[in-house]
Amino acid sequence: QVQLVESGGGLVQPGGSLRLSCAASGSTLSINNMGWYRQYPGKQRKLVAAISGSGRLTNYADSVKGRFTISRYRAKNTVYLQLNSLKPEDTAVYYCNRGGWGTPPVASWGQGTQVTVSS
């Protein structure tokens, strides 16, 4: 049974930073490509950052490139997303799951973590 637990969201002013964490259980996730997705109200989730199973490759959506950094700690099955220079349009619920390079997400999503960027 795959379980994904996201944390680290909150309210931050424009220009601020947050670090999101995702604890993943499930034997295959530690070697899978993993990604962070975000979802606006009433919209589908979209992948914003991905990291390869080895951790050597990363990929970002243009909207977050240069501001967000994805990383992983394979020994602890944890994936992180550092969010810097936050903008109001980054306000969304953020989720982690398998993703990137054509890797489909697993069906069981976590609860997500809310990021709100507002002055």
PDB file of N, CA and C in Angstrom:
ATOM      1  N   GLN A   1       0.845  -1.189   0.000  1.00  0.00           N
ATOM      2  CA  GLN A   1       0.000   0.000   0.000  1.00  0.00           C
ATOM      3  C   GLN A   1       0.884   1.243   0.000  1.00  0.00           C
ATOM      4  N   VAL A   2       0.731   2.056  -1.006  1.00  0.00           N
ATOM      5  CA  VAL A   2       1.511   3.279  -1.095  1.00  0.00           C
ATOM      6  C   VAL A   2       0.861   4.367  -0.257  1.00  0.00           C
ATOM      7  N   GLN A   3       1.690   5.038   0.513  1.00  0.00           N
ATOM      8  CA  GLN A   3       1.200   6.197   1.274  1.00  0.00           C
ATOM      9  C   GLN A   3       2.121   7.381   1.022  1.00  0.00           C
ATOM     10  N   LEU A   4       1.517   8.514   0.790  1.00  0.00           N
ATOM     11  CA  LEU A   4       2.257   9.750   0.546  1.00  0.00           C
ATOM     12  C   LEU A   4       1.754  10.795   1.524  1.00  0.00           C
ATOM     13  N   VAL A   5       2.670  11.396   2.265  1.00  0.00           N
ATOM     14  CA  VAL A   5       2.292  12.391   3.260  1.00  0.00           C
ATOM     15  C   VAL A   5       3.098  13.654   3.020  1.00  0.00           C
ATOM     16  N   GLU A   6       2.397  14.718   2.625  1.00  0.00           N
ATOM     17  CA  GLU A   6       3.052  15.991   2.357  1.00  0.00           C
ATOM     18  C   GLU A   6       2.941  16.909   3.572  1.00  0.00           C
ATOM     19  N   SER A   7       3.942  17.761   3.763  1.00  0.00           N
ATOM     20  CA  SER A   7       3.918  18.715   4.868  1.00  0.00           C
ATOM     21  C   SER A   7       4.787  19.910   4.508  1.00  0.00           C
ATOM     22  N   GLY A   8       4.675  20.959   5.330  1.00  0.00           N
ATOM     23  CA  GLY A   8       5.550  22.111   5.172  1.00  0.00           C
ATOM     24  C   GLY A   8       4.904  23.341   4.562  1.00  0.00           C
ATOM     25  N   GLY A   9       3.664  23.216   4.148  1.00  0.00           N
ATOM     26  CA  GLY A   9       2.994  24.366   3.569  1.00  0.00           C
ATOM     27  C   GLY A   9       2.664  25.403   4.612  1.00  0.00           C
ATOM     28  N   GLY A  10       2.133  26.533   4.155  1.00  0.00           N
ATOM     29  CA  GLY A  10       1.755  27.583   5.083  1.00  0.00           C
ATOM     30  C   GLY A  10       1.493  28.887   4.360  1.00  0.00           C
ATOM     31  N   LEU A  11       1.365  29.927   5.168  1.00  0.00           N
ATOM     32  CA  LEU A  11       1.135  31.275   4.639  1.00  0.00           C
ATOM     33  C   LEU A  11       2.460  32.022   4.630  1.00  0.00           C
ATOM     34  N   VAL A  12       2.792  32.598   3.506  1.00  0.00           N
ATOM     35  CA  VAL A  12       4.058  33.304   3.388  1.00  0.00           C
ATOM     36  C   VAL A  12       3.841  34.548   2.531  1.00  0.00           C
ATOM     37  N   GLN A  13       4.629  35.570   2.780  1.00  0.00           N
ATOM     38  CA  GLN A  13       4.524  36.796   2.004  1.00  0.00           C
ATOM     39  C   GLN A  13       5.217  36.625   0.647  1.00  0.00           C
ATOM     40  N   PRO A  14       4.808  37.407  -0.326  1.00  0.00           N
ATOM     41  CA  PRO A  14       5.521  37.371  -1.617  1.00  0.00           C
ATOM     42  C   PRO A  14       7.014  37.590  -1.424  1.00  0.00           C
ATOM     43  N   GLY A  15       7.795  36.791  -2.147  1.00  0.00           N
ATOM     44  CA  GLY A  15       9.240  36.853  -2.003  1.00  0.00           C
ATOM     45  C   GLY A  15       9.793  35.917  -0.953  1.00  0.00           C
ATOM     46  N   GLY A  16       8.904  35.322  -0.179  1.00  0.00           N
ATOM     47  CA  GLY A  16       9.334  34.424   0.888  1.00  0.00           C
ATOM     48  C   GLY A  16       9.663  33.027   0.403  1.00  0.00           C
ATOM     49  N   SER A  17       9.971  32.160   1.364  1.00  0.00           N
ATOM     50  CA  SER A  17      10.389  30.794   1.054  1.00  0.00           C
ATOM     51  C   SER A  17       9.665  29.791   1.933  1.00  0.00           C
ATOM     52  N   LEU A  18       9.544  28.594   1.405  1.00  0.00           N
ATOM     53  CA  LEU A  18       9.018  27.459   2.146  1.00  0.00           C
ATOM     54  C   LEU A  18       9.762  26.212   1.700  1.00  0.00           C
ATOM     55  N   ARG A  19       9.769  25.210   2.563  1.00  0.00           N
ATOM     56  CA  ARG A  19      10.316  23.911   2.187  1.00  0.00           C
ATOM     57  C   ARG A  19       9.262  22.848   2.440  1.00  0.00           C
ATOM     58  N   LEU A  20       8.858  22.202   1.379  1.00  0.00           N
ATOM     59  CA  LEU A  20       7.868  21.138   1.473  1.00  0.00           C
ATOM     60  C   LEU A  20       8.577  19.796   1.581  1.00  0.00           C
ATOM     61  N   SER A  21       7.955  18.895   2.330  1.00  0.00           N
ATOM     62  CA  SER A  21       8.488  17.543   2.473  1.00  0.00           C
ATOM     63  C   SER A  21       7.420  16.540   2.093  1.00  0.00           C
ATOM     64  N   CYS A  22       7.865  15.408   1.565  1.00  0.00           N
ATOM     65  CA  CYS A  22       6.959  14.322   1.213  1.00  0.00           C
ATOM     66  C   CYS A  22       7.571  13.027   1.705  1.00  0.00           C
ATOM     67  N   ALA A  23       6.877  12.377   2.630  1.00  0.00           N
ATOM     68  CA  ALA A  23       7.303  11.070   3.120  1.00  0.00           C
ATOM     69  C   ALA A  23       6.534  10.009   2.344  1.00  0.00           C
ATOM     70  N   ALA A  24       7.254   9.151   1.680  1.00  0.00           N
ATOM     71  CA  ALA A  24       6.632   8.144   0.820  1.00  0.00           C
ATOM     72  C   ALA A  24       6.928   6.750   1.339  1.00  0.00           C
ATOM     73  N   SER A  25       5.899   5.934   1.419  1.00  0.00           N
ATOM     74  CA  SER A  25       6.100   4.528   1.771  1.00  0.00           C
ATOM     75  C   SER A  25       5.692   3.664   0.589  1.00  0.00           C
ATOM     76  N   GLY A  26       6.283   2.522   0.492  1.00  0.00           N
ATOM     77  CA  GLY A  26       6.027   1.686  -0.682  1.00  0.00           C
ATOM     78  C   GLY A  26       7.348   1.334  -1.304  1.00  0.00           C
ATOM     79  N   SER A  27       7.620   0.096  -1.456  1.00  0.00           N
ATOM     80  CA  SER A  27       8.969  -0.350  -1.788  1.00  0.00           C
ATOM     81  C   SER A  27       9.478   0.178  -3.119  1.00  0.00           C
ATOM     82  N   THR A  28       8.602   0.478  -4.065  1.00  0.00           N
ATOM     83  CA  THR A  28       9.097   0.893  -5.376  1.00  0.00           C
ATOM     84  C   THR A  28       9.367   2.387  -5.470  1.00  0.00           C
ATOM     85  N   LEU A  29       8.834   3.164  -4.545  1.00  0.00           N
ATOM     86  CA  LEU A  29       8.927   4.612  -4.708  1.00  0.00           C
ATOM     87  C   LEU A  29      10.351   5.119  -4.563  1.00  0.00           C
ATOM     88  N   SER A  30      11.169   4.422  -3.793  1.00  0.00           N
ATOM     89  CA  SER A  30      12.522   4.920  -3.573  1.00  0.00           C
ATOM     90  C   SER A  30      13.352   4.873  -4.848  1.00  0.00           C
ATOM     91  N   ILE A  31      12.934   4.084  -5.831  1.00  0.00           N
ATOM     92  CA  ILE A  31      13.710   4.023  -7.063  1.00  0.00           C
ATOM     93  C   ILE A  31      12.971   4.656  -8.228  1.00  0.00           C
ATOM     94  N   ASN A  32      11.818   5.208  -7.948  1.00  0.00           N
ATOM     95  CA  ASN A  32      11.017   5.815  -9.010  1.00  0.00           C
ATOM     96  C   ASN A  32      11.344   7.282  -9.193  1.00  0.00           C
ATOM     97  N   ASN A  33      11.075   7.750 -10.416  1.00  0.00           N
ATOM     98  CA  ASN A  33      11.047   9.197 -10.607  1.00  0.00           C
ATOM     99  C   ASN A  33       9.911   9.757  -9.758  1.00  0.00           C
ATOM    100  N   MET A  34      10.177  10.863  -9.097  1.00  0.00           N
ATOM    101  CA  MET A  34       9.174  11.461  -8.227  1.00  0.00           C
ATOM    102  C   MET A  34       8.961  12.918  -8.627  1.00  0.00           C
ATOM    103  N   GLY A  35       7.775  13.398  -8.335  1.00  0.00           N
ATOM    104  CA  GLY A  35       7.476  14.770  -8.719  1.00  0.00           C
ATOM    105  C   GLY A  35       6.629  15.482  -7.701  1.00  0.00           C
ATOM    106  N   TRP A  36       6.624  16.780  -7.803  1.00  0.00           N
ATOM    107  CA  TRP A  36       5.711  17.636  -7.053  1.00  0.00           C
ATOM    108  C   TRP A  36       4.717  18.226  -8.044  1.00  0.00           C
ATOM    109  N   TYR A  37       3.464  18.151  -7.648  1.00  0.00           N
ATOM    110  CA  TYR A  37       2.374  18.681  -8.457  1.00  0.00           C
ATOM    111  C   TYR A  37       1.707  19.802  -7.664  1.00  0.00           C
ATOM    112  N   ARG A  38       1.034  20.671  -8.371  1.00  0.00           N
ATOM    113  CA  ARG A  38       0.210  21.638  -7.654  1.00  0.00           C
ATOM    114  C   ARG A  38      -1.154  21.722  -8.336  1.00  0.00           C
ATOM    115  N   GLN A  39      -2.109  22.099  -7.511  1.00  0.00           N
ATOM    116  CA  GLN A  39      -3.488  22.131  -7.982  1.00  0.00           C
ATOM    117  C   GLN A  39      -4.153  23.427  -7.536  1.00  0.00           C
ATOM    118  N   TYR A  40      -4.665  24.163  -8.497  1.00  0.00           N
ATOM    119  CA  TYR A  40      -5.472  25.341  -8.202  1.00  0.00           C
ATOM    120  C   TYR A  40      -6.925  24.903  -8.018  1.00  0.00           C
ATOM    121  N   PRO A  41      -7.723  25.662  -7.287  1.00  0.00           N
ATOM    122  CA  PRO A  41      -9.127  25.283  -7.086  1.00  0.00           C
ATOM    123  C   PRO A  41      -9.851  25.070  -8.412  1.00  0.00           C
ATOM    124  N   GLY A  42     -10.500  23.933  -8.536  1.00  0.00           N
ATOM    125  CA  GLY A  42     -11.273  23.641  -9.735  1.00  0.00           C
ATOM    126  C   GLY A  42     -10.454  23.228 -10.946  1.00  0.00           C
ATOM    127  N   LYS A  43      -9.148  23.073 -10.754  1.00  0.00           N
ATOM    128  CA  LYS A  43      -8.270  22.709 -11.868  1.00  0.00           C
ATOM    129  C   LYS A  43      -7.615  21.359 -11.616  1.00  0.00           C
ATOM    130  N   GLN A  44      -7.060  20.792 -12.662  1.00  0.00           N
ATOM    131  CA  GLN A  44      -6.339  19.524 -12.515  1.00  0.00           C
ATOM    132  C   GLN A  44      -4.961  19.762 -11.930  1.00  0.00           C
ATOM    133  N   ARG A  45      -4.439  18.731 -11.305  1.00  0.00           N
ATOM    134  CA  ARG A  45      -3.076  18.812 -10.798  1.00  0.00           C
ATOM    135  C   ARG A  45      -2.104  18.890 -11.979  1.00  0.00           C
ATOM    136  N   LYS A  46      -1.064  19.688 -11.793  1.00  0.00           N
ATOM    137  CA  LYS A  46      -0.030  19.799 -12.828  1.00  0.00           C
ATOM    138  C   LYS A  46       1.333  19.587 -12.202  1.00  0.00           C
ATOM    139  N   LEU A  47       2.177  18.866 -12.913  1.00  0.00           N
ATOM    140  CA  LEU A  47       3.525  18.610 -12.444  1.00  0.00           C
ATOM    141  C   LEU A  47       4.361  19.880 -12.563  1.00  0.00           C
ATOM    142  N   VAL A  48       5.020  20.255 -11.475  1.00  0.00           N
ATOM    143  CA  VAL A  48       5.864  21.452 -11.515  1.00  0.00           C
ATOM    144  C   VAL A  48       7.343  21.136 -11.350  1.00  0.00           C
ATOM    145  N   ALA A  49       7.664  19.976 -10.769  1.00  0.00           N
ATOM    146  CA  ALA A  49       9.065  19.618 -10.588  1.00  0.00           C
ATOM    147  C   ALA A  49       9.174  18.099 -10.521  1.00  0.00           C
ATOM    148  N   ALA A  50      10.251  17.570 -11.059  1.00  0.00           N
ATOM    149  CA  ALA A  50      10.466  16.122 -11.037  1.00  0.00           C
ATOM    150  C   ALA A  50      11.929  15.835 -10.783  1.00  0.00           C
ATOM    151  N   ILE A  51      12.170  14.676 -10.176  1.00  0.00           N
ATOM    152  CA  ILE A  51      13.535  14.243  -9.904  1.00  0.00           C
ATOM    153  C   ILE A  51      13.626  12.771 -10.267  1.00  0.00           C
ATOM    154  N   SER A  52      14.729  12.387 -10.878  1.00  0.00           N
ATOM    155  CA  SER A  52      14.887  11.005 -11.308  1.00  0.00           C
ATOM    156  C   SER A  52      15.110  10.093 -10.107  1.00  0.00           C
ATOM    157  N   GLY A  53      14.969   8.804 -10.356  1.00  0.00           N
ATOM    158  CA  GLY A  53      15.162   7.837  -9.303  1.00  0.00           C
ATOM    159  C   GLY A  53      16.538   7.937  -8.657  1.00  0.00           C
ATOM    160  N   SER A  54      17.534   8.226  -9.444  1.00  0.00           N
ATOM    161  CA  SER A  54      18.901   8.355  -8.919  1.00  0.00           C
ATOM    162  C   SER A  54      19.122   9.682  -8.224  1.00  0.00           C
ATOM    163  N   GLY A  55      18.276  10.651  -8.520  1.00  0.00           N
ATOM    164  CA  GLY A  55      18.461  11.989  -7.969  1.00  0.00           C
ATOM    165  C   GLY A  55      19.349  12.876  -8.809  1.00  0.00           C
ATOM    166  N   ARG A  56      19.875  12.328  -9.897  1.00  0.00           N
ATOM    167  CA  ARG A  56      20.847  13.094 -10.694  1.00  0.00           C
ATOM    168  C   ARG A  56      20.183  14.057 -11.657  1.00  0.00           C
ATOM    169  N   LEU A  57      18.957  13.750 -12.059  1.00  0.00           N
ATOM    170  CA  LEU A  57      18.270  14.591 -13.038  1.00  0.00           C
ATOM    171  C   LEU A  57      17.082  15.276 -12.397  1.00  0.00           C
ATOM    172  N   THR A  58      16.876  16.517 -12.775  1.00  0.00           N
ATOM    173  CA  THR A  58      15.698  17.250 -12.337  1.00  0.00           C
ATOM    174  C   THR A  58      15.084  17.966 -13.534  1.00  0.00           C
ATOM    175  N   ASN A  59      13.826  18.272 -13.393  1.00  0.00           N
ATOM    176  CA  ASN A  59      13.117  18.968 -14.461  1.00  0.00           C
ATOM    177  C   ASN A  59      12.053  19.857 -13.820  1.00  0.00           C
ATOM    178  N   TYR A  60      11.835  21.035 -14.408  1.00  0.00           N
ATOM    179  CA  TYR A  60      10.915  21.993 -13.814  1.00  0.00           C
ATOM    180  C   TYR A  60       9.997  22.599 -14.865  1.00  0.00           C
ATOM    181  N   ALA A  61       8.803  22.924 -14.436  1.00  0.00           N
ATOM    182  CA  ALA A  61       7.927  23.713 -15.285  1.00  0.00           C
ATOM    183  C   ALA A  61       8.515  25.111 -15.422  1.00  0.00           C
ATOM    184  N   ASP A  62       8.271  25.731 -16.552  1.00  0.00           N
ATOM    185  CA  ASP A  62       8.825  27.063 -16.794  1.00  0.00           C
ATOM    186  C   ASP A  62       8.406  28.063 -15.720  1.00  0.00           C
ATOM    187  N   SER A  63       7.212  27.891 -15.194  1.00  0.00           N
ATOM    188  CA  SER A  63       6.682  28.845 -14.219  1.00  0.00           C
ATOM    189  C   SER A  63       7.433  28.845 -12.897  1.00  0.00           C
ATOM    190  N   VAL A  64       8.181  27.780 -12.622  1.00  0.00           N
ATOM    191  CA  VAL A  64       8.887  27.697 -11.336  1.00  0.00           C
ATOM    192  C   VAL A  64      10.394  27.578 -11.507  1.00  0.00           C
ATOM    193  N   LYS A  65      10.845  27.474 -12.726  1.00  0.00           N
ATOM    194  CA  LYS A  65      12.271  27.276 -12.986  1.00  0.00           C
ATOM    195  C   LYS A  65      13.075  28.442 -12.402  1.00  0.00           C
ATOM    196  N   GLY A  66      14.137  28.099 -11.694  1.00  0.00           N
ATOM    197  CA  GLY A  66      14.979  29.117 -11.083  1.00  0.00           C
ATOM    198  C   GLY A  66      14.523  29.556  -9.707  1.00  0.00           C
ATOM    199  N   ARG A  67      13.324  29.143  -9.319  1.00  0.00           N
ATOM    200  CA  ARG A  67      12.798  29.516  -7.997  1.00  0.00           C
ATOM    201  C   ARG A  67      12.570  28.296  -7.102  1.00  0.00           C
ATOM    202  N   PHE A  68      12.214  27.181  -7.675  1.00  0.00           N
ATOM    203  CA  PHE A  68      11.947  25.963  -6.913  1.00  0.00           C
ATOM    204  C   PHE A  68      13.086  24.967  -7.138  1.00  0.00           C
ATOM    205  N   THR A  69      13.370  24.186  -6.100  1.00  0.00           N
ATOM    206  CA  THR A  69      14.389  23.149  -6.211  1.00  0.00           C
ATOM    207  C   THR A  69      13.861  21.856  -5.596  1.00  0.00           C
ATOM    208  N   ILE A  70      13.876  20.800  -6.389  1.00  0.00           N
ATOM    209  CA  ILE A  70      13.443  19.492  -5.900  1.00  0.00           C
ATOM    210  C   ILE A  70      14.675  18.677  -5.520  1.00  0.00           C
ATOM    211  N   SER A  71      14.545  17.908  -4.451  1.00  0.00           N
ATOM    212  CA  SER A  71      15.636  17.038  -4.024  1.00  0.00           C
ATOM    213  C   SER A  71      15.015  15.806  -3.369  1.00  0.00           C
ATOM    214  N   ARG A  72      15.845  14.812  -3.117  1.00  0.00           N
ATOM    215  CA  ARG A  72      15.321  13.624  -2.468  1.00  0.00           C
ATOM    216  C   ARG A  72      16.396  13.009  -1.592  1.00  0.00           C
ATOM    217  N   TYR A  73      15.922  12.304  -0.582  1.00  0.00           N
ATOM    218  CA  TYR A  73      16.787  11.567   0.319  1.00  0.00           C
ATOM    219  C   TYR A  73      16.294  10.125   0.242  1.00  0.00           C
ATOM    220  N   ARG A  74      16.902   9.366  -0.625  1.00  0.00           N
ATOM    221  CA  ARG A  74      16.373   8.036  -0.935  1.00  0.00           C
ATOM    222  C   ARG A  74      16.340   7.125   0.277  1.00  0.00           C
ATOM    223  N   ALA A  75      17.340   7.230   1.150  1.00  0.00           N
ATOM    224  CA  ALA A  75      17.398   6.339   2.309  1.00  0.00           C
ATOM    225  C   ALA A  75      16.183   6.507   3.203  1.00  0.00           C
ATOM    226  N   LYS A  76      15.591   7.702   3.179  1.00  0.00           N
ATOM    227  CA  LYS A  76      14.420   7.949   4.015  1.00  0.00           C
ATOM    228  C   LYS A  76      13.149   8.058   3.187  1.00  0.00           C
ATOM    229  N   ASN A  77      13.238   7.695   1.905  1.00  0.00           N
ATOM    230  CA  ASN A  77      12.051   7.781   1.041  1.00  0.00           C
ATOM    231  C   ASN A  77      11.376   9.136   1.156  1.00  0.00           C
ATOM    232  N   THR A  78      12.168  10.188   1.140  1.00  0.00           N
ATOM    233  CA  THR A  78      11.633  11.532   1.301  1.00  0.00           C
ATOM    234  C   THR A  78      12.010  12.392   0.104  1.00  0.00           C
ATOM    235  N   VAL A  79      11.072  13.175  -0.332  1.00  0.00           N
ATOM    236  CA  VAL A  79      11.288  14.115  -1.425  1.00  0.00           C
ATOM    237  C   VAL A  79      10.979  15.511  -0.912  1.00  0.00           C
ATOM    238  N   TYR A  80      11.775  16.468  -1.313  1.00  0.00           N
ATOM    239  CA  TYR A  80      11.614  17.842  -0.831  1.00  0.00           C
ATOM    240  C   TYR A  80      11.368  18.783  -2.017  1.00  0.00           C
ATOM    241  N   LEU A  81      10.750  19.900  -1.695  1.00  0.00           N
ATOM    242  CA  LEU A  81      10.630  20.974  -2.679  1.00  0.00           C
ATOM    243  C   LEU A  81      10.903  22.290  -1.957  1.00  0.00           C
ATOM    244  N   GLN A  82      12.002  22.917  -2.317  1.00  0.00           N
ATOM    245  CA  GLN A  82      12.341  24.228  -1.787  1.00  0.00           C
ATOM    246  C   GLN A  82      11.709  25.281  -2.677  1.00  0.00           C
ATOM    247  N   LEU A  83      10.885  26.118  -2.086  1.00  0.00           N
ATOM    248  CA  LEU A  83      10.199  27.164  -2.831  1.00  0.00           C
ATOM    249  C   LEU A  83      10.770  28.512  -2.418  1.00  0.00           C
ATOM    250  N   ASN A  84      11.396  29.202  -3.340  1.00  0.00           N
ATOM    251  CA  ASN A  84      11.962  30.519  -3.079  1.00  0.00           C
ATOM    252  C   ASN A  84      11.287  31.563  -3.967  1.00  0.00           C
ATOM    253  N   SER A  85      11.453  32.812  -3.590  1.00  0.00           N
ATOM    254  CA  SER A  85      10.907  33.927  -4.380  1.00  0.00           C
ATOM    255  C   SER A  85       9.442  33.680  -4.721  1.00  0.00           C
ATOM    256  N   LEU A  86       8.683  33.322  -3.711  1.00  0.00           N
ATOM    257  CA  LEU A  86       7.294  32.936  -3.945  1.00  0.00           C
ATOM    258  C   LEU A  86       6.452  34.102  -4.438  1.00  0.00           C
ATOM    259  N   LYS A  87       5.504  33.771  -5.298  1.00  0.00           N
ATOM    260  CA  LYS A  87       4.591  34.746  -5.900  1.00  0.00           C
ATOM    261  C   LYS A  87       3.155  34.364  -5.542  1.00  0.00           C
ATOM    262  N   PRO A  88       2.242  35.313  -5.572  1.00  0.00           N
ATOM    263  CA  PRO A  88       0.837  34.969  -5.281  1.00  0.00           C
ATOM    264  C   PRO A  88       0.309  33.855  -6.182  1.00  0.00           C
ATOM    265  N   GLU A  89       0.778  33.770  -7.394  1.00  0.00           N
ATOM    266  CA  GLU A  89       0.292  32.727  -8.302  1.00  0.00           C
ATOM    267  C   GLU A  89       0.828  31.337  -7.953  1.00  0.00           C
ATOM    268  N   ASP A  90       1.719  31.253  -6.976  1.00  0.00           N
ATOM    269  CA  ASP A  90       2.159  29.948  -6.487  1.00  0.00           C
ATOM    270  C   ASP A  90       1.180  29.378  -5.456  1.00  0.00           C
ATOM    271  N   THR A  91       0.202  30.169  -5.068  1.00  0.00           N
ATOM    272  CA  THR A  91      -0.803  29.706  -4.116  1.00  0.00           C
ATOM    273  C   THR A  91      -1.568  28.531  -4.701  1.00  0.00           C
ATOM    274  N   ALA A  92      -1.506  27.388  -4.014  1.00  0.00           N
ATOM    275  CA  ALA A  92      -2.118  26.163  -4.504  1.00  0.00           C
ATOM    276  C   ALA A  92      -1.936  25.088  -3.444  1.00  0.00           C
ATOM    277  N   VAL A  93      -2.549  23.942  -3.678  1.00  0.00           N
ATOM    278  CA  VAL A  93      -2.265  22.758  -2.875  1.00  0.00           C
ATOM    279  C   VAL A  93      -1.185  21.963  -3.611  1.00  0.00           C
ATOM    280  N   TYR A  94      -0.157  21.586  -2.876  1.00  0.00           N
ATOM    281  CA  TYR A  94       0.974  20.876  -3.467  1.00  0.00           C
ATOM    282  C   TYR A  94       0.940  19.410  -3.031  1.00  0.00           C
ATOM    283  N   TYR A  95       1.169  18.532  -3.998  1.00  0.00           N
ATOM    284  CA  TYR A  95       1.166  17.097  -3.781  1.00  0.00           C
ATOM    285  C   TYR A  95       2.454  16.495  -4.331  1.00  0.00           C
ATOM    286  N   CYS A  96       2.870  15.387  -3.748  1.00  0.00           N
ATOM    287  CA  CYS A  96       3.959  14.628  -4.353  1.00  0.00           C
ATOM    288  C   CYS A  96       3.399  13.284  -4.822  1.00  0.00           C
ATOM    289  N   ASN A  97       4.075  12.727  -5.809  1.00  0.00           N
ATOM    290  CA  ASN A  97       3.692  11.430  -6.348  1.00  0.00           C
ATOM    291  C   ASN A  97       4.781  11.034  -7.329  1.00  0.00           C
ATOM    292  N   ARG A  98       4.689   9.848  -7.878  1.00  0.00           N
ATOM    293  CA  ARG A  98       5.584   9.491  -8.970  1.00  0.00           C
ATOM    294  C   ARG A  98       5.332  10.473 -10.100  1.00  0.00           C
ATOM    295  N   GLY A  99       6.379  10.742 -10.874  1.00  0.00           N
ATOM    296  CA  GLY A  99       6.170  11.650 -11.985  1.00  0.00           C
ATOM    297  C   GLY A  99       7.464  12.042 -12.657  1.00  0.00           C
ATOM    298  N   GLY A 100       7.320  12.625 -13.847  1.00  0.00           N
ATOM    299  CA  GLY A 100       8.471  13.048 -14.630  1.00  0.00           C
ATOM    300  C   GLY A 100       8.887  11.988 -15.628  1.00  0.00           C
ATOM    301  N   TRP A 101       9.276  12.417 -16.809  1.00  0.00           N
ATOM    302  CA  TRP A 101       9.784  11.518 -17.858  1.00  0.00           C
ATOM    303  C   TRP A 101       8.794  10.403 -18.203  1.00  0.00           C
ATOM    304  N   GLY A 102       7.550  10.753 -18.194  1.00  0.00           N
ATOM    305  CA  GLY A 102       6.504   9.805 -18.575  1.00  0.00           C
ATOM    306  C   GLY A 102       6.072   8.855 -17.485  1.00  0.00           C
ATOM    307  N   THR A 103       6.612   8.980 -16.289  1.00  0.00           N
ATOM    308  CA  THR A 103       6.221   8.091 -15.197  1.00  0.00           C
ATOM    309  C   THR A 103       4.843   8.490 -14.679  1.00  0.00           C
ATOM    310  N   PRO A 104       3.876   7.605 -14.701  1.00  0.00           N
ATOM    311  CA  PRO A 104       2.544   7.978 -14.229  1.00  0.00           C
ATOM    312  C   PRO A 104       2.482   8.012 -12.707  1.00  0.00           C
ATOM    313  N   PRO A 105       1.651   8.861 -12.143  1.00  0.00           N
ATOM    314  CA  PRO A 105       1.482   8.870 -10.692  1.00  0.00           C
ATOM    315  C   PRO A 105       0.760   7.613 -10.234  1.00  0.00           C
ATOM    316  N   VAL A 106       0.974   7.237  -8.971  1.00  0.00           N
ATOM    317  CA  VAL A 106       0.184   6.156  -8.397  1.00  0.00           C
ATOM    318  C   VAL A 106      -1.202   6.697  -8.094  1.00  0.00           C
ATOM    319  N   ALA A 107      -2.159   5.802  -7.964  1.00  0.00           N
ATOM    320  CA  ALA A 107      -3.552   6.222  -7.822  1.00  0.00           C
ATOM    321  C   ALA A 107      -3.836   6.883  -6.477  1.00  0.00           C
ATOM    322  N   SER A 108      -3.114   6.473  -5.436  1.00  0.00           N
ATOM    323  CA  SER A 108      -3.439   6.963  -4.097  1.00  0.00           C
ATOM    324  C   SER A 108      -2.641   8.223  -3.793  1.00  0.00           C
ATOM    325  N   TRP A 109      -3.280   9.368  -3.911  1.00  0.00           N
ATOM    326  CA  TRP A 109      -2.650  10.636  -3.599  1.00  0.00           C
ATOM    327  C   TRP A 109      -2.728  10.910  -2.097  1.00  0.00           C
ATOM    328  N   GLY A 110      -1.782  11.701  -1.618  1.00  0.00           N
ATOM    329  CA  GLY A 110      -1.836  12.154  -0.237  1.00  0.00           C
ATOM    330  C   GLY A 110      -2.823  13.290  -0.086  1.00  0.00           C
ATOM    331  N   GLN A 111      -2.826  13.895   1.082  1.00  0.00           N
ATOM    332  CA  GLN A 111      -3.780  14.976   1.350  1.00  0.00           C
ATOM    333  C   GLN A 111      -3.297  16.318   0.808  1.00  0.00           C
ATOM    334  N   GLY A 112      -2.035  16.383   0.452  1.00  0.00           N
ATOM    335  CA  GLY A 112      -1.481  17.629  -0.053  1.00  0.00           C
ATOM    336  C   GLY A 112      -1.157  18.600   1.067  1.00  0.00           C
ATOM    337  N   THR A 113      -0.476  19.665   0.714  1.00  0.00           N
ATOM    338  CA  THR A 113      -0.155  20.722   1.673  1.00  0.00           C
ATOM    339  C   THR A 113      -0.422  22.064   1.010  1.00  0.00           C
ATOM    340  N   GLN A 114      -1.138  22.921   1.729  1.00  0.00           N
ATOM    341  CA  GLN A 114      -1.571  24.203   1.176  1.00  0.00           C
ATOM    342  C   GLN A 114      -0.439  25.226   1.283  1.00  0.00           C
ATOM    343  N   VAL A 115      -0.149  25.871   0.180  1.00  0.00           N
ATOM    344  CA  VAL A 115       0.781  26.993   0.152  1.00  0.00           C
ATOM    345  C   VAL A 115      -0.018  28.233  -0.232  1.00  0.00           C
ATOM    346  N   THR A 116       0.052  29.242   0.611  1.00  0.00           N
ATOM    347  CA  THR A 116      -0.651  30.490   0.349  1.00  0.00           C
ATOM    348  C   THR A 116       0.357  31.625   0.379  1.00  0.00           C
ATOM    349  N   VAL A 117       0.434  32.358  -0.713  1.00  0.00           N
ATOM    350  CA  VAL A 117       1.364  33.471  -0.827  1.00  0.00           C
ATOM    351  C   VAL A 117       0.539  34.758  -0.886  1.00  0.00           C
ATOM    352  N   SER A 118       0.631  35.519   0.171  1.00  0.00           N
ATOM    353  CA  SER A 118      -0.198  36.715   0.269  1.00  0.00           C
ATOM    354  C   SER A 118       0.428  37.704   1.232  1.00  0.00           C
ATOM    355  N   SER A 119       0.250  38.981   0.944  1.00  0.00           N
ATOM    356  CA  SER A 119       0.724  40.004   1.859  1.00  0.00           C
ATOM    357  C   SER A 119      -0.394  40.418   2.817  1.00  0.00           C
TER     358      SER A 119
END
